Amino acid sequence: MFPEPQDEQVAAVNYPSRKAVLTVELMLFLGLWLFYGTLINVKNIDDFGQSVTEAIVDQHRFSVEGLTAWPVKGDVFGFQGHTYSNKNPGQAIISSVAYAHLRMLGISYADNKFLVGALVIFFSSSLFAALGSVALFRLAKDLFGTDNVWPLAGTLVWSVGTTGTVFSGVAWHDVLATAMLVIAVYLLHRIRCGSPAFEQARNFSILAGFLLGVIVTTSMTFFFIVVLFGIYFLSLGKRKLILPFIISGVVGVAPLFFYNTVNFGDPLMFPAVAYFKYSGMAPDVYFFLDWNNFKNKAVGYYNLINWYTPILWPGVVGLILLPSRVRREQLFIFGAIVVLVFYMFNVQGFGVCGYGPRYLMPIMPFCALGIAGFGRIPLKILRWPLAVGIGLVALYSVRVNVVGALGGAMYCNYAGFGYYEYIGSLAVGQISPFPLLKFLLPLFLIWCVVALYLILPEEKKIA
């Protein structure tokens, strides 16, 4: 839509050296990972639990009855004398990798379940959320072709100003799958636009296919978006990469089929389906068409976005400013938004007891991506007022969601605005302990000092 810079000096400003970009990416990853770690609190650990993780690592089984650290509660159902979670196993498998390494170090839930639970989250959800943010930053730079500032702004909007912030400190499927989705989409985009050598393109396709498969293993909410970006890959016409992509995708989804077969005797008996069949209760994401439900969901999500993540509105508008050279990506990103919105407007729930519009999390990074689009507006007389307005909305979203992370991701009063309730509790000192704060806060402060040093102009560093 807007011309690319032609002057070599301008181009040099807009496209910094790879070393500089890598420095930004490393600092972005470390800063967010440490920040997320400091927000992990006992309330979130206790509310969501890690029962399947304990069962897998300590008991070598998938059923969650009779556990020591994490007694049965929440979204579970009985089947043939055992109790199972109604969630896909991906989140527990990923958490189990982290917990298994802690067990190798001689640390277990029996020693201090909240400290160990916090470490499990730090090395799973928080780690993936930080990695996904780096992938989003790279994707924003590639798609919009601008300097670091606007892509970084869009990335930080997703990282600290959306529902993803709240769930970065929880061992939960939404944030894990969302981070993997962003990484997969970035890899697929690089296959098309990065012109990598065949070996690198093959490796990208293998990793992207594997991640898309793992996403389905982790959360069925993402199924249609995974299919959509699978179609995107096929549209690239990379015939030699199709087989590696499909094989790796099957490998990624194989743990889900194994889990279903071992526990329910059928590879296609997914936990949510088994939950419906054996408990008689329809899951929140059960799809059905009903006009009144559609209208109620539309109004409900409109209010939730305005309350918790209003920065998503300008983000969606900014996607219109994507350059014509990435029209395919633009269409598929908008397609992902439409597919998820249509699906979520035709299910029963809003996201059980979630602070903010949790079910819309899969598209939040792509909406935030659009913030980088405003950096392509050539007239400063328009760009700066827009930057101020977007900045104010972003600060509001950051404040609301950081408070949500402090107060707890489990909030069940859909008629109320959780921010006000949490602010009142925090003001009188009603705050849950943060097991990793004393370890990570000094590291985060060191990160802040280094970040400020890197931002300083060269002449002031010398001085």
Protein backbone atom coordinates (compact mmCIF):
# COMPACT_ATOMS: atom_id res chain seq x y z
CA MET A 1 0.00 0.00 0.00
CA PHE A 2 2.87 2.35 0.80
CA PRO A 3 6.16 2.56 -1.14
CA GLU A 4 9.26 0.94 0.33
CA PRO A 5 12.18 3.26 1.20
CA GLN A 6 14.53 3.71 -1.74
CA ASP A 7 17.26 5.86 -0.28
CA GLU A 8 20.15 3.73 1.01
CA GLN A 9 20.55 5.80 4.14
CA VAL A 10 16.87 5.50 5.02
CA ALA A 11 16.96 1.80 4.25
CA ALA A 12 19.90 1.39 6.58
CA VAL A 13 17.89 2.99 9.38
CA ASN A 14 14.84 0.88 8.73
CA TYR A 15 16.74 -2.37 8.43
CA PRO A 16 19.34 -2.67 11.22
CA SER A 17 22.12 -5.22 11.23
CA ARG A 18 21.34 -8.84 12.01
CA LYS A 19 23.52 -8.56 15.12
CA ALA A 20 21.37 -5.71 16.38
CA VAL A 21 18.18 -7.64 15.65
CA LEU A 22 19.49 -10.73 17.46
CA THR A 23 20.34 -8.56 20.47
CA VAL A 24 16.78 -7.23 20.52
CA GLU A 25 15.37 -10.75 20.21
CA LEU A 26 17.56 -12.15 22.99
CA MET A 27 16.71 -9.27 25.32
CA LEU A 28 13.03 -9.59 24.45
CA PHE A 29 13.04 -13.30 25.24
CA LEU A 30 14.96 -13.00 28.51
CA GLY A 31 12.98 -10.00 29.74
CA LEU A 32 9.59 -11.58 29.07
CA TRP A 33 10.58 -14.98 30.45
CA LEU A 34 11.81 -13.44 33.70
CA PHE A 35 8.79 -11.13 33.88
CA TYR A 36 6.37 -14.02 33.42
CA GLY A 37 8.24 -16.01 36.05
CA THR A 38 7.86 -13.28 38.66
CA LEU A 39 4.07 -13.27 38.10
CA ILE A 40 3.62 -16.99 38.84
CA ASN A 41 1.61 -17.16 42.05
CA VAL A 42 0.25 -19.78 44.42
CA LYS A 43 -3.39 -18.97 43.62
CA ASN A 44 -2.92 -19.82 39.95
CA ILE A 45 -0.92 -22.94 40.76
CA ASP A 46 -3.60 -24.17 43.17
CA ASP A 47 -6.61 -23.18 41.05
CA PHE A 48 -5.44 -24.97 37.91
CA GLY A 49 -3.35 -27.72 39.49
CA GLN A 50 -0.93 -30.13 37.83
CA SER A 51 -2.63 -33.43 38.56
CA VAL A 52 -2.04 -35.11 35.18
CA THR A 53 1.62 -34.09 35.31
CA GLU A 54 1.99 -35.68 38.74
CA ALA A 55 0.19 -38.80 37.50
CA ILE A 56 2.44 -39.16 34.44
CA VAL A 57 5.80 -38.56 36.13
CA ASP A 58 5.26 -39.88 39.66
CA GLN A 59 2.62 -42.58 39.09
CA HIS A 60 3.34 -43.53 35.45
CA ARG A 61 -0.33 -43.35 34.49
CA PHE A 62 -2.83 -40.91 32.99
CA SER A 63 -5.72 -41.22 35.47
CA VAL A 64 -5.71 -38.69 38.30
CA GLU A 65 -7.42 -40.47 41.19
CA GLY A 66 -5.53 -41.03 44.43
CA LEU A 67 -2.81 -38.44 43.88
CA THR A 68 -0.82 -37.05 46.81
CA ALA A 69 0.01 -33.47 45.79
CA TRP A 70 -2.90 -32.62 43.50
CA PRO A 71 -6.21 -34.16 44.62
CA VAL A 72 -8.93 -34.58 42.00
CA LYS A 73 -10.93 -31.46 41.22
CA GLY A 74 -12.10 -29.39 38.27
CA ASP A 75 -12.77 -30.69 34.77
CA VAL A 76 -12.62 -34.45 35.32
CA PHE A 77 -14.90 -37.43 34.71
CA GLY A 78 -15.06 -41.09 35.61
CA PHE A 79 -14.52 -43.95 33.19
CA GLN A 80 -14.19 -47.67 34.05
CA GLY A 81 -13.23 -47.02 37.65
CA HIS A 82 -10.68 -44.28 36.90
CA THR A 83 -10.81 -40.49 36.83
CA TYR A 84 -9.51 -38.55 33.83
CA SER A 85 -9.09 -34.93 32.83
CA ASN A 86 -11.38 -33.77 30.01
CA LYS A 87 -8.52 -31.75 28.49
CA ASN A 88 -6.25 -32.88 25.68
CA PRO A 89 -3.01 -34.27 27.13
CA GLY A 90 -0.57 -31.88 25.41
CA GLN A 91 -0.40 -29.39 28.24
CA ALA A 92 0.32 -32.17 30.77
CA ILE A 93 2.89 -33.83 28.50
CA ILE A 94 4.80 -30.56 28.04
CA SER A 95 4.64 -29.86 31.78
CA SER A 96 5.75 -33.43 32.44
CA VAL A 97 8.94 -32.84 30.46
CA ALA A 98 9.77 -29.94 32.78
CA TYR A 99 8.77 -31.87 35.90
CA ALA A 100 10.71 -34.99 34.87
CA HIS A 101 13.90 -32.93 34.64
CA LEU A 102 13.23 -31.50 38.10
CA ARG A 103 12.74 -35.04 39.40
CA MET A 104 16.13 -35.96 37.93
CA LEU A 105 17.55 -33.21 40.13
CA GLY A 106 15.85 -34.74 43.15
CA ILE A 107 13.05 -32.17 43.37
CA SER A 108 9.43 -33.30 43.59
CA TYR A 109 5.95 -32.05 44.44
CA ALA A 110 6.29 -33.87 47.78
CA ASP A 111 9.08 -31.47 48.80
CA ASN A 112 7.27 -28.20 48.10
CA LYS A 113 4.43 -28.51 45.62
CA PHE A 114 3.96 -24.78 45.06
CA LEU A 115 7.64 -24.03 44.45
CA VAL A 116 7.96 -27.05 42.17
CA GLY A 117 4.67 -26.18 40.49
CA ALA A 118 6.00 -22.69 39.82
CA LEU A 119 9.18 -24.11 38.30
CA VAL A 120 7.13 -26.42 36.07
CA ILE A 121 5.16 -23.42 34.80
CA PHE A 122 8.32 -21.35 34.36
CA PHE A 123 9.90 -24.04 32.19
CA SER A 124 6.73 -24.70 30.19
CA SER A 125 4.05 -22.02 29.77
CA SER A 126 6.28 -19.03 30.59
CA LEU A 127 9.10 -20.34 28.41
CA PHE A 128 6.83 -21.01 25.43
CA ALA A 129 5.10 -17.64 25.82
CA ALA A 130 8.46 -15.85 25.66
CA LEU A 131 9.59 -17.88 22.63
CA GLY A 132 6.28 -17.20 20.89
CA SER A 133 6.77 -13.48 21.45
CA VAL A 134 10.16 -13.57 19.71
CA ALA A 135 8.57 -15.41 16.78
CA LEU A 136 5.82 -12.76 16.64
CA PHE A 137 8.44 -10.00 16.58
CA ARG A 138 10.22 -11.67 13.67
CA LEU A 139 6.95 -12.22 11.84
CA ALA A 140 5.96 -8.57 12.30
CA LYS A 141 9.30 -7.36 10.95
CA ASP A 142 9.09 -9.67 7.94
CA LEU A 143 5.48 -8.86 7.10
CA PHE A 144 5.56 -5.09 7.52
CA GLY A 145 9.18 -4.43 6.55
CA THR A 146 9.64 -1.69 9.14
CA ASP A 147 12.33 -1.06 11.75
CA ASN A 148 12.26 -2.56 15.24
CA VAL A 149 10.03 -0.01 16.97
CA TRP A 150 6.56 -0.81 15.64
CA PRO A 151 7.02 -4.61 15.47
CA LEU A 152 8.33 -4.47 19.03
CA ALA A 153 5.30 -2.44 20.06
CA GLY A 154 2.94 -5.00 18.54
CA THR A 155 4.83 -7.84 20.22
CA LEU A 156 4.71 -6.19 23.63
CA VAL A 157 0.98 -5.56 23.19
CA TRP A 158 0.48 -9.32 22.88
CA SER A 159 3.06 -10.22 25.51
CA VAL A 160 1.97 -7.95 28.37
CA GLY A 161 -1.37 -6.45 27.30
CA THR A 162 -3.68 -9.36 26.51
CA THR A 163 -5.19 -12.43 28.12
CA GLY A 164 -2.00 -14.26 27.14
CA THR A 165 -0.24 -12.27 29.89
CA VAL A 166 -2.65 -13.60 32.48
CA PHE A 167 -2.18 -17.23 31.44
CA SER A 168 1.60 -17.08 30.96
CA GLY A 169 1.88 -18.06 34.62
CA VAL A 170 -0.46 -21.04 34.40
CA ALA A 171 0.20 -24.60 33.18
CA TRP A 172 -2.67 -24.39 30.72
CA HIS A 173 -3.30 -25.35 27.12
CA ASP A 174 -4.36 -21.99 25.63
CA VAL A 175 -1.09 -20.12 26.06
CA LEU A 176 1.05 -23.13 25.12
CA ALA A 177 -0.88 -23.76 21.91
CA THR A 178 -0.98 -20.06 21.02
CA ALA A 179 2.80 -19.72 21.36
CA MET A 180 3.37 -22.81 19.22
CA LEU A 181 0.93 -21.49 16.61
CA VAL A 182 2.84 -18.21 16.25
CA ILE A 183 6.14 -20.06 15.89
CA ALA A 184 4.64 -22.40 13.27
CA VAL A 185 3.15 -19.54 11.25
CA TYR A 186 6.48 -17.71 11.30
CA LEU A 187 8.28 -20.82 10.01
CA LEU A 188 5.71 -21.31 7.24
CA HIS A 189 6.06 -17.67 6.23
CA ARG A 190 9.85 -18.04 6.07
CA ILE A 191 9.45 -21.00 3.72
CA ARG A 192 7.53 -18.78 1.34
CA CYS A 193 9.25 -15.42 1.63
CA GLY A 194 12.64 -16.14 3.13
CA SER A 195 14.00 -17.99 0.09
CA PRO A 196 15.93 -20.44 2.31
CA ALA A 197 18.01 -23.28 0.91
CA PHE A 198 16.09 -26.52 0.41
CA GLU A 199 17.58 -28.17 3.50
CA GLN A 200 16.60 -25.23 5.69
CA ALA A 201 13.12 -25.07 4.13
CA ARG A 202 12.71 -28.79 4.79
CA ASN A 203 13.72 -28.32 8.43
CA PHE A 204 11.28 -25.42 8.76
CA SER A 205 8.47 -27.54 7.27
CA ILE A 206 9.24 -30.43 9.62
CA LEU A 207 9.25 -28.22 12.69
CA ALA A 208 6.14 -26.31 11.60
CA GLY A 209 4.24 -29.53 10.86
CA PHE A 210 5.29 -31.02 14.20
CA LEU A 211 4.19 -27.91 16.09
CA LEU A 212 0.80 -27.86 14.36
CA GLY A 213 0.34 -31.51 15.33
CA VAL A 214 1.33 -30.81 18.93
CA ILE A 215 -1.14 -27.92 18.99
CA VAL A 216 -3.99 -30.34 18.24
CA THR A 217 -2.61 -32.68 20.92
CA THR A 218 -2.71 -29.73 23.31
CA SER A 219 -6.05 -28.06 22.51
CA MET A 220 -8.93 -28.96 20.21
CA THR A 221 -9.97 -25.29 20.22
CA PHE A 222 -7.21 -24.69 17.67
CA PHE A 223 -8.22 -27.47 15.29
CA PHE A 224 -9.78 -25.35 12.55
CA ILE A 225 -6.98 -22.76 12.69
CA VAL A 226 -4.43 -25.58 12.35
CA VAL A 227 -6.31 -26.86 9.30
CA LEU A 228 -6.36 -23.34 7.84
CA PHE A 229 -2.60 -22.88 8.13
CA GLY A 230 -2.11 -26.38 6.80
CA ILE A 231 -3.97 -25.17 3.70
CA TYR A 232 -1.69 -22.13 3.67
CA PHE A 233 1.32 -24.43 3.51
CA LEU A 234 -0.20 -26.43 0.65
CA SER A 235 -0.93 -23.18 -1.20
CA LEU A 236 2.82 -22.47 -1.32
CA GLY A 237 3.23 -25.24 -3.91
CA LYS A 238 6.33 -26.70 -2.23
CA ARG A 239 5.67 -30.26 -3.37
CA LYS A 240 8.94 -31.70 -2.10
CA LEU A 241 8.15 -30.44 1.40
CA ILE A 242 4.61 -31.83 1.66
CA LEU A 243 5.58 -35.34 2.80
CA PRO A 244 7.99 -34.17 5.57
CA PHE A 245 5.33 -31.67 6.69
CA ILE A 246 2.59 -34.32 6.89
CA ILE A 247 4.81 -36.93 8.58
CA SER A 248 5.95 -34.48 11.24
CA GLY A 249 2.36 -33.35 11.79
CA VAL A 250 1.30 -36.95 12.38
CA VAL A 251 4.19 -37.37 14.84
CA GLY A 252 2.98 -34.26 16.67
CA VAL A 253 -0.58 -35.53 17.00
CA ALA A 254 0.43 -39.16 17.75
CA PRO A 255 0.55 -38.64 21.56
CA LEU A 256 -3.12 -37.65 21.46
CA PHE A 257 -4.08 -40.82 19.57
CA PHE A 258 -1.97 -42.87 21.98
CA TYR A 259 -3.61 -41.21 24.99
CA ASN A 260 -7.09 -41.82 23.58
CA THR A 261 -6.36 -45.46 22.77
CA VAL A 262 -4.77 -46.30 26.13
CA ASN A 263 -7.46 -44.62 28.22
CA PHE A 264 -10.65 -44.92 26.16
CA GLY A 265 -9.92 -47.75 23.74
CA ASP A 266 -10.33 -45.64 20.59
CA PRO A 267 -7.77 -43.27 19.02
CA LEU A 268 -10.61 -40.95 17.97
CA MET A 269 -12.27 -40.89 21.40
CA PHE A 270 -10.95 -37.47 22.38
CA PRO A 271 -11.15 -36.43 26.05
CA ALA A 272 -13.90 -33.88 25.44
CA VAL A 273 -15.94 -36.48 23.53
CA ALA A 274 -15.37 -39.05 26.27
CA TYR A 275 -16.36 -36.45 28.86
CA PHE A 276 -19.63 -35.85 27.01
CA LYS A 277 -20.30 -39.55 26.50
CA TYR A 278 -19.58 -40.76 30.03
CA SER A 279 -20.59 -37.75 32.13
CA GLY A 280 -23.58 -36.67 30.07
CA MET A 281 -22.38 -33.04 30.18
CA ALA A 282 -21.61 -31.18 26.95
CA PRO A 283 -18.21 -29.44 27.00
CA ASP A 284 -18.05 -25.65 26.75
CA VAL A 285 -16.63 -25.84 23.22
CA TYR A 286 -19.45 -28.04 21.90
CA PHE A 287 -20.47 -26.47 18.55
CA PHE A 288 -24.11 -25.85 17.75
CA LEU A 289 -26.06 -23.31 15.70
CA ASP A 290 -28.53 -21.13 17.55
CA TRP A 291 -29.22 -17.50 16.65
CA ASN A 292 -29.86 -16.36 20.21
CA ASN A 293 -26.65 -17.99 21.41
CA PHE A 294 -24.76 -16.34 18.54
CA LYS A 295 -26.10 -12.90 19.46
CA ASN A 296 -25.36 -13.40 23.14
CA LYS A 297 -21.82 -14.48 22.39
CA ALA A 298 -21.27 -11.52 20.04
CA VAL A 299 -22.40 -9.05 22.68
CA GLY A 300 -20.51 -10.88 25.41
CA TYR A 301 -17.20 -10.95 23.54
CA TYR A 302 -17.62 -7.33 22.46
CA ASN A 303 -17.89 -6.36 26.13
CA LEU A 304 -15.03 -8.63 27.22
CA ILE A 305 -12.69 -7.16 24.60
CA ASN A 306 -13.64 -3.62 25.60
CA TRP A 307 -13.08 -4.39 29.27
CA TYR A 308 -9.93 -6.48 29.10
CA THR A 309 -8.15 -6.14 25.73
CA PRO A 310 -9.38 -3.05 23.80
CA ILE A 311 -5.96 -2.81 22.13
CA LEU A 312 -7.10 -5.65 19.84
CA TRP A 313 -9.42 -3.27 17.93
CA PRO A 314 -6.66 -1.03 16.48
CA GLY A 315 -4.59 -4.17 15.96
CA VAL A 316 -7.20 -5.63 13.60
CA VAL A 317 -7.39 -2.32 11.74
CA GLY A 318 -3.60 -2.28 11.40
CA LEU A 319 -3.68 -5.63 9.58
CA ILE A 320 -5.28 -3.80 6.65
CA LEU A 321 -1.96 -1.94 6.22
CA LEU A 322 -0.02 -5.10 5.38
CA PRO A 323 1.86 -4.58 2.08
CA SER A 324 0.59 -6.25 -1.08
CA ARG A 325 3.64 -8.55 -1.27
CA VAL A 326 2.22 -10.50 1.70
CA ARG A 327 -1.41 -10.51 0.58
CA ARG A 328 -1.56 -14.29 1.02
CA GLU A 329 -0.51 -14.01 4.68
CA GLN A 330 -2.98 -11.18 5.20
CA LEU A 331 -5.87 -13.28 3.86
CA PHE A 332 -4.98 -16.30 5.98
CA ILE A 333 -4.53 -14.21 9.15
CA PHE A 334 -7.94 -12.63 8.62
CA GLY A 335 -9.23 -16.11 7.83
CA ALA A 336 -7.94 -17.40 11.17
CA ILE A 337 -9.69 -14.54 12.97
CA VAL A 338 -12.98 -15.22 11.17
CA VAL A 339 -12.79 -19.00 11.70
CA LEU A 340 -12.16 -18.74 15.43
CA VAL A 341 -14.74 -16.00 15.99
CA PHE A 342 -17.42 -17.97 14.12
CA TYR A 343 -16.58 -21.09 16.12
CA MET A 344 -16.57 -19.35 19.50
CA PHE A 345 -19.80 -17.51 18.78
CA ASN A 346 -21.49 -20.89 18.32
CA VAL A 347 -20.39 -22.79 21.43
CA GLN A 348 -21.83 -22.87 24.92
CA GLY A 349 -19.16 -21.24 27.07
CA PHE A 350 -17.08 -18.08 27.25
CA GLY A 351 -14.07 -19.88 28.70
CA VAL A 352 -14.74 -21.45 32.05
CA CYS A 353 -13.82 -19.03 34.84
CA GLY A 354 -11.25 -17.12 32.81
CA TYR A 355 -10.08 -13.56 33.40
CA GLY A 356 -10.72 -11.94 30.01
CA PRO A 357 -11.83 -13.47 26.67
CA ARG A 358 -9.70 -16.62 27.02
CA TYR A 359 -11.27 -18.44 24.07
CA LEU A 360 -10.07 -15.70 21.73
CA MET A 361 -6.45 -16.13 22.79
CA PRO A 362 -5.40 -18.03 19.60
CA ILE A 363 -5.95 -14.91 17.47
CA MET A 364 -4.73 -12.29 19.95
CA PRO A 365 -1.08 -12.32 18.79
CA PHE A 366 -2.19 -11.90 15.17
CA CYS A 367 -4.44 -9.00 16.12
CA ALA A 368 -1.59 -7.43 18.09
CA LEU A 369 0.61 -7.96 15.04
CA GLY A 370 -1.44 -5.29 13.28
CA ILE A 371 -0.09 -2.61 15.63
CA ALA A 372 3.11 -2.73 13.55
CA GLY A 373 1.07 -1.66 10.53
CA PHE A 374 0.76 1.90 11.77
CA GLY A 375 4.51 2.28 11.33
CA ARG A 376 3.91 2.16 7.56
CA ILE A 377 1.88 5.38 7.53
CA PRO A 378 4.26 7.78 5.74
CA LEU A 379 2.86 11.05 7.13
CA LYS A 380 4.23 11.87 10.58
CA ILE A 381 1.34 14.28 11.09
CA LEU A 382 -0.90 11.19 11.17
CA ARG A 383 1.52 8.69 12.67
CA TRP A 384 2.27 10.48 15.90
CA PRO A 385 -1.33 11.20 17.00
CA LEU A 386 -2.16 7.59 16.20
CA ALA A 387 0.86 6.41 18.17
CA VAL A 388 -0.26 8.42 21.21
CA GLY A 389 -3.82 7.12 21.00
CA ILE A 390 -2.72 3.52 20.51
CA GLY A 391 -0.19 3.90 23.31
CA LEU A 392 -2.88 5.03 25.76
CA VAL A 393 -5.13 2.11 24.86
CA ALA A 394 -2.15 -0.25 25.10
CA LEU A 395 -1.24 1.04 28.56
CA TYR A 396 -4.81 0.47 29.71
CA SER A 397 -4.72 -3.12 28.38
CA VAL A 398 -1.33 -3.74 30.01
CA ARG A 399 -2.56 -2.47 33.37
CA VAL A 400 -5.72 -4.59 33.30
CA ASN A 401 -3.96 -7.80 32.30
CA VAL A 402 -0.95 -7.47 34.58
CA VAL A 403 -3.39 -6.98 37.45
CA GLY A 404 -5.18 -10.10 36.20
CA ALA A 405 -1.92 -12.04 36.29
CA LEU A 406 -1.32 -10.86 39.86
CA GLY A 407 -4.87 -11.56 41.03
CA GLY A 408 -5.35 -14.91 39.30
CA ALA A 409 -6.44 -16.27 35.93
CA MET A 410 -9.43 -18.07 37.46
CA TYR A 411 -12.24 -15.48 37.60
CA CYS A 412 -15.80 -16.78 37.42
CA ASN A 413 -17.98 -13.68 37.68
CA TYR A 414 -18.81 -12.96 34.04
CA ALA A 415 -21.24 -10.20 35.04
CA GLY A 416 -18.46 -8.24 36.70
CA PHE A 417 -15.19 -6.65 35.67
CA GLY A 418 -12.42 -8.58 37.38
CA TYR A 419 -9.97 -5.68 37.31
CA TYR A 420 -11.92 -3.64 39.88
CA GLU A 421 -12.30 -6.62 42.20
CA TYR A 422 -8.60 -7.47 41.97
CA ILE A 423 -7.51 -3.87 42.50
CA GLY A 424 -9.58 -3.74 45.67
CA SER A 425 -8.02 -6.95 46.96
CA LEU A 426 -4.47 -5.91 46.07
CA ALA A 427 -4.97 -2.51 47.73
CA VAL A 428 -5.61 -4.17 51.12
CA GLY A 429 -2.72 -6.61 50.73
CA GLN A 430 -4.75 -9.66 49.73
CA ILE A 431 -2.22 -11.06 47.30
CA SER A 432 -1.11 -14.61 46.70
CA PRO A 433 2.57 -15.49 47.32
CA PHE A 434 4.95 -15.61 44.35
CA PRO A 435 7.28 -18.62 44.79
CA LEU A 436 9.90 -17.54 42.23
CA LEU A 437 9.90 -13.80 42.95
CA LYS A 438 12.93 -13.76 45.27
CA PHE A 439 14.95 -15.73 42.73
CA LEU A 440 13.92 -14.00 39.52
CA LEU A 441 13.42 -10.38 40.60
CA PRO A 442 17.18 -9.68 40.98
CA LEU A 443 17.77 -11.17 37.53
CA PHE A 444 14.95 -9.08 36.08
CA LEU A 445 16.42 -5.91 37.62
CA ILE A 446 19.80 -6.75 36.08
CA TRP A 447 18.00 -7.23 32.76
CA CYS A 448 16.45 -3.75 33.14
CA VAL A 449 19.87 -2.17 33.70
CA VAL A 450 21.34 -3.92 30.65
CA ALA A 451 18.32 -2.96 28.54
CA LEU A 452 18.67 0.71 29.53
CA TYR A 453 22.37 0.60 28.69
CA LEU A 454 21.66 -0.82 25.24
CA ILE A 455 19.06 1.87 24.59
CA LEU A 456 21.43 4.72 25.47
CA PRO A 457 23.09 6.52 22.54
CA GLU A 458 26.71 5.53 21.90
CA GLU A 459 28.13 8.91 22.93
CA LYS A 460 26.50 8.70 26.35
CA LYS A 461 27.80 5.16 26.87
CA ILE A 462 31.33 6.42 26.24
CA ALA A 463 30.78 9.34 28.56
